[in-house]
Amino acid sequence: MGKKMFLNVLYNICIFICLITGYTYGIEKANYVFLAGAVFIIAIFIVLKVRLLKEVKNAQKNP
């Protein structure tokens, strides 16, 4: 369970870094390639996070 908690924290950190990167380089500097890349990476991490949450939820239901 500790590994999954660490993985969840890591996903949150990556999402946060991608948000900051997308805003800084994508919007403020008008470089929309960075913004598109950041959005794509955020979407991947959100999907992985949802899968992890479902896995943890199922593990708690069925001991």
N, C-alpha and C. Protein backbone atom coordinates (compact mmCIF):
# COMPACT_ATOMS: atom_id res chain seq x y z
N MET A 1 0.82 -1.19 0.00
CA MET A 1 0.00 0.00 0.00
C MET A 1 0.87 1.26 0.00
N GLY A 2 2.04 1.15 0.58
CA GLY A 2 2.95 2.30 0.63
C GLY A 2 3.44 2.69 -0.75
N LYS A 3 3.64 1.68 -1.61
CA LYS A 3 4.07 1.95 -2.98
C LYS A 3 3.01 2.71 -3.75
N LYS A 4 1.77 2.33 -3.53
CA LYS A 4 0.67 3.00 -4.24
C LYS A 4 0.47 4.43 -3.75
N MET A 5 0.70 4.63 -2.46
CA MET A 5 0.60 5.99 -1.92
C MET A 5 1.72 6.87 -2.49
N PHE A 6 2.93 6.31 -2.57
CA PHE A 6 4.04 7.04 -3.16
C PHE A 6 3.77 7.35 -4.63
N LEU A 7 3.21 6.38 -5.35
CA LEU A 7 2.89 6.57 -6.76
C LEU A 7 1.84 7.65 -6.94
N ASN A 8 0.86 7.70 -6.05
CA ASN A 8 -0.17 8.74 -6.11
C ASN A 8 0.44 10.12 -5.90
N VAL A 9 1.34 10.23 -4.94
CA VAL A 9 2.02 11.51 -4.69
C VAL A 9 2.86 11.90 -5.89
N LEU A 10 3.54 10.94 -6.49
CA LEU A 10 4.36 11.20 -7.67
C LEU A 10 3.50 11.68 -8.84
N TYR A 11 2.33 11.07 -9.03
CA TYR A 11 1.42 11.52 -10.08
C TYR A 11 0.96 12.96 -9.83
N ASN A 12 0.65 13.28 -8.58
CA ASN A 12 0.23 14.64 -8.25
C ASN A 12 1.33 15.66 -8.54
N ILE A 13 2.55 15.32 -8.18
CA ILE A 13 3.68 16.21 -8.43
C ILE A 13 3.89 16.42 -9.93
N CYS A 14 3.80 15.34 -10.69
CA CYS A 14 3.98 15.44 -12.15
C CYS A 14 2.88 16.28 -12.79
N ILE A 15 1.66 16.11 -12.34
CA ILE A 15 0.55 16.92 -12.86
C ILE A 15 0.79 18.39 -12.55
N PHE A 16 1.21 18.68 -11.32
CA PHE A 16 1.46 20.06 -10.92
C PHE A 16 2.60 20.68 -11.73
N ILE A 17 3.67 19.93 -11.94
CA ILE A 17 4.80 20.44 -12.73
C ILE A 17 4.38 20.70 -14.18
N CYS A 18 3.57 19.81 -14.73
CA CYS A 18 3.08 20.01 -16.11
C CYS A 18 2.16 21.22 -16.20
N LEU A 19 1.36 21.46 -15.19
CA LEU A 19 0.50 22.65 -15.18
C LEU A 19 1.35 23.92 -15.18
N ILE A 20 2.36 23.96 -14.34
CA ILE A 20 3.22 25.13 -14.27
C ILE A 20 4.00 25.32 -15.58
N THR A 21 4.51 24.22 -16.11
CA THR A 21 5.26 24.29 -17.37
C THR A 21 4.38 24.75 -18.51
N GLY A 22 3.18 24.19 -18.59
CA GLY A 22 2.25 24.58 -19.64
C GLY A 22 1.87 26.04 -19.55
N TYR A 23 1.66 26.51 -18.33
CA TYR A 23 1.30 27.92 -18.17
C TYR A 23 2.48 28.83 -18.49
N THR A 24 3.65 28.51 -17.94
CA THR A 24 4.82 29.37 -18.10
C THR A 24 5.29 29.43 -19.55
N TYR A 25 5.52 28.28 -20.13
CA TYR A 25 6.08 28.25 -21.48
C TYR A 25 5.00 28.30 -22.56
N GLY A 26 3.83 27.80 -22.26
CA GLY A 26 2.79 27.74 -23.28
C GLY A 26 1.98 29.01 -23.41
N ILE A 27 1.50 29.52 -22.31
CA ILE A 27 0.60 30.67 -22.36
C ILE A 27 1.37 31.99 -22.30
N GLU A 28 2.26 32.13 -21.31
CA GLU A 28 2.97 33.40 -21.15
C GLU A 28 3.92 33.70 -22.30
N LYS A 29 4.58 32.69 -22.83
CA LYS A 29 5.53 32.90 -23.92
C LYS A 29 4.93 32.58 -25.28
N ALA A 30 3.65 32.26 -25.32
CA ALA A 30 2.90 31.98 -26.55
C ALA A 30 3.55 30.88 -27.39
N ASN A 31 4.07 29.88 -26.71
CA ASN A 31 4.63 28.72 -27.39
C ASN A 31 3.65 27.56 -27.17
N TYR A 32 2.74 27.39 -28.11
CA TYR A 32 1.63 26.47 -27.92
C TYR A 32 2.00 25.01 -28.09
N VAL A 33 3.19 24.74 -28.58
CA VAL A 33 3.66 23.36 -28.65
C VAL A 33 3.89 22.83 -27.23
N PHE A 34 4.47 23.65 -26.37
CA PHE A 34 4.66 23.27 -24.97
C PHE A 34 3.32 23.08 -24.28
N LEU A 35 2.37 23.94 -24.58
CA LEU A 35 1.05 23.83 -23.98
C LEU A 35 0.37 22.53 -24.40
N ALA A 36 0.45 22.20 -25.67
CA ALA A 36 -0.16 20.96 -26.15
C ALA A 36 0.52 19.74 -25.52
N GLY A 37 1.83 19.78 -25.43
CA GLY A 37 2.55 18.68 -24.79
C GLY A 37 2.20 18.53 -23.32
N ALA A 38 2.09 19.65 -22.63
CA ALA A 38 1.74 19.60 -21.21
C ALA A 38 0.33 19.06 -21.02
N VAL A 39 -0.59 19.46 -21.86
CA VAL A 39 -1.97 18.97 -21.75
C VAL A 39 -2.01 17.47 -22.02
N PHE A 40 -1.25 17.01 -23.00
CA PHE A 40 -1.21 15.58 -23.31
C PHE A 40 -0.63 14.78 -22.14
N ILE A 41 0.44 15.26 -21.56
CA ILE A 41 1.06 14.56 -20.43
C ILE A 41 0.15 14.59 -19.21
N ILE A 42 -0.53 15.71 -18.98
CA ILE A 42 -1.48 15.79 -17.86
C ILE A 42 -2.60 14.77 -18.05
N ALA A 43 -3.09 14.65 -19.27
CA ALA A 43 -4.16 13.68 -19.54
C ALA A 43 -3.69 12.25 -19.25
N ILE A 44 -2.47 11.93 -19.63
CA ILE A 44 -1.94 10.60 -19.36
C ILE A 44 -1.84 10.34 -17.85
N PHE A 45 -1.33 11.32 -17.11
CA PHE A 45 -1.19 11.13 -15.67
C PHE A 45 -2.55 11.06 -14.97
N ILE A 46 -3.54 11.77 -15.46
CA ILE A 46 -4.87 11.69 -14.87
C ILE A 46 -5.47 10.30 -15.10
N VAL A 47 -5.27 9.75 -16.30
CA VAL A 47 -5.76 8.40 -16.57
C VAL A 47 -5.06 7.39 -15.66
N LEU A 48 -3.76 7.52 -15.51
CA LEU A 48 -3.02 6.61 -14.62
C LEU A 48 -3.47 6.76 -13.17
N LYS A 49 -3.76 7.98 -12.75
CA LYS A 49 -4.20 8.23 -11.39
C LYS A 49 -5.58 7.62 -11.14
N VAL A 50 -6.48 7.74 -12.11
CA VAL A 50 -7.81 7.16 -11.97
C VAL A 50 -7.71 5.64 -11.89
N ARG A 51 -6.86 5.03 -12.71
CA ARG A 51 -6.66 3.58 -12.65
C ARG A 51 -6.12 3.16 -11.28
N LEU A 52 -5.19 3.93 -10.76
CA LEU A 52 -4.63 3.62 -9.46
C LEU A 52 -5.69 3.73 -8.37
N LEU A 53 -6.51 4.76 -8.42
CA LEU A 53 -7.56 4.93 -7.42
C LEU A 53 -8.58 3.80 -7.49
N LYS A 54 -8.92 3.36 -8.69
CA LYS A 54 -9.84 2.23 -8.84
C LYS A 54 -9.23 0.96 -8.28
N GLU A 55 -7.94 0.77 -8.52
CA GLU A 55 -7.26 -0.41 -8.01
C GLU A 55 -7.23 -0.42 -6.48
N VAL A 56 -6.97 0.72 -5.88
CA VAL A 56 -6.95 0.82 -4.42
C VAL A 56 -8.34 0.61 -3.86
N LYS A 57 -9.33 1.17 -4.51
CA LYS A 57 -10.71 1.02 -4.05
C LYS A 57 -11.14 -0.46 -4.09
N ASN A 58 -10.79 -1.16 -5.17
CA ASN A 58 -11.13 -2.57 -5.27
C ASN A 58 -10.35 -3.41 -4.27
N ALA A 59 -9.14 -3.03 -3.98
CA ALA A 59 -8.34 -3.77 -3.00
C ALA A 59 -8.92 -3.61 -1.59
N GLN A 60 -9.50 -2.46 -1.31
CA GLN A 60 -10.10 -2.25 0.00
C GLN A 60 -11.44 -2.97 0.12
N LYS A 61 -12.17 -3.11 -0.98
CA LYS A 61 -13.45 -3.82 -0.95
C LYS A 61 -13.25 -5.31 -0.72
N ASN A 62 -12.30 -5.90 -1.45
CA ASN A 62 -12.06 -7.34 -1.39
C ASN A 62 -10.74 -7.63 -0.66
N PRO A 63 -10.80 -7.80 0.65
CA PRO A 63 -9.54 -8.03 1.39
C PRO A 63 -8.96 -9.41 1.16
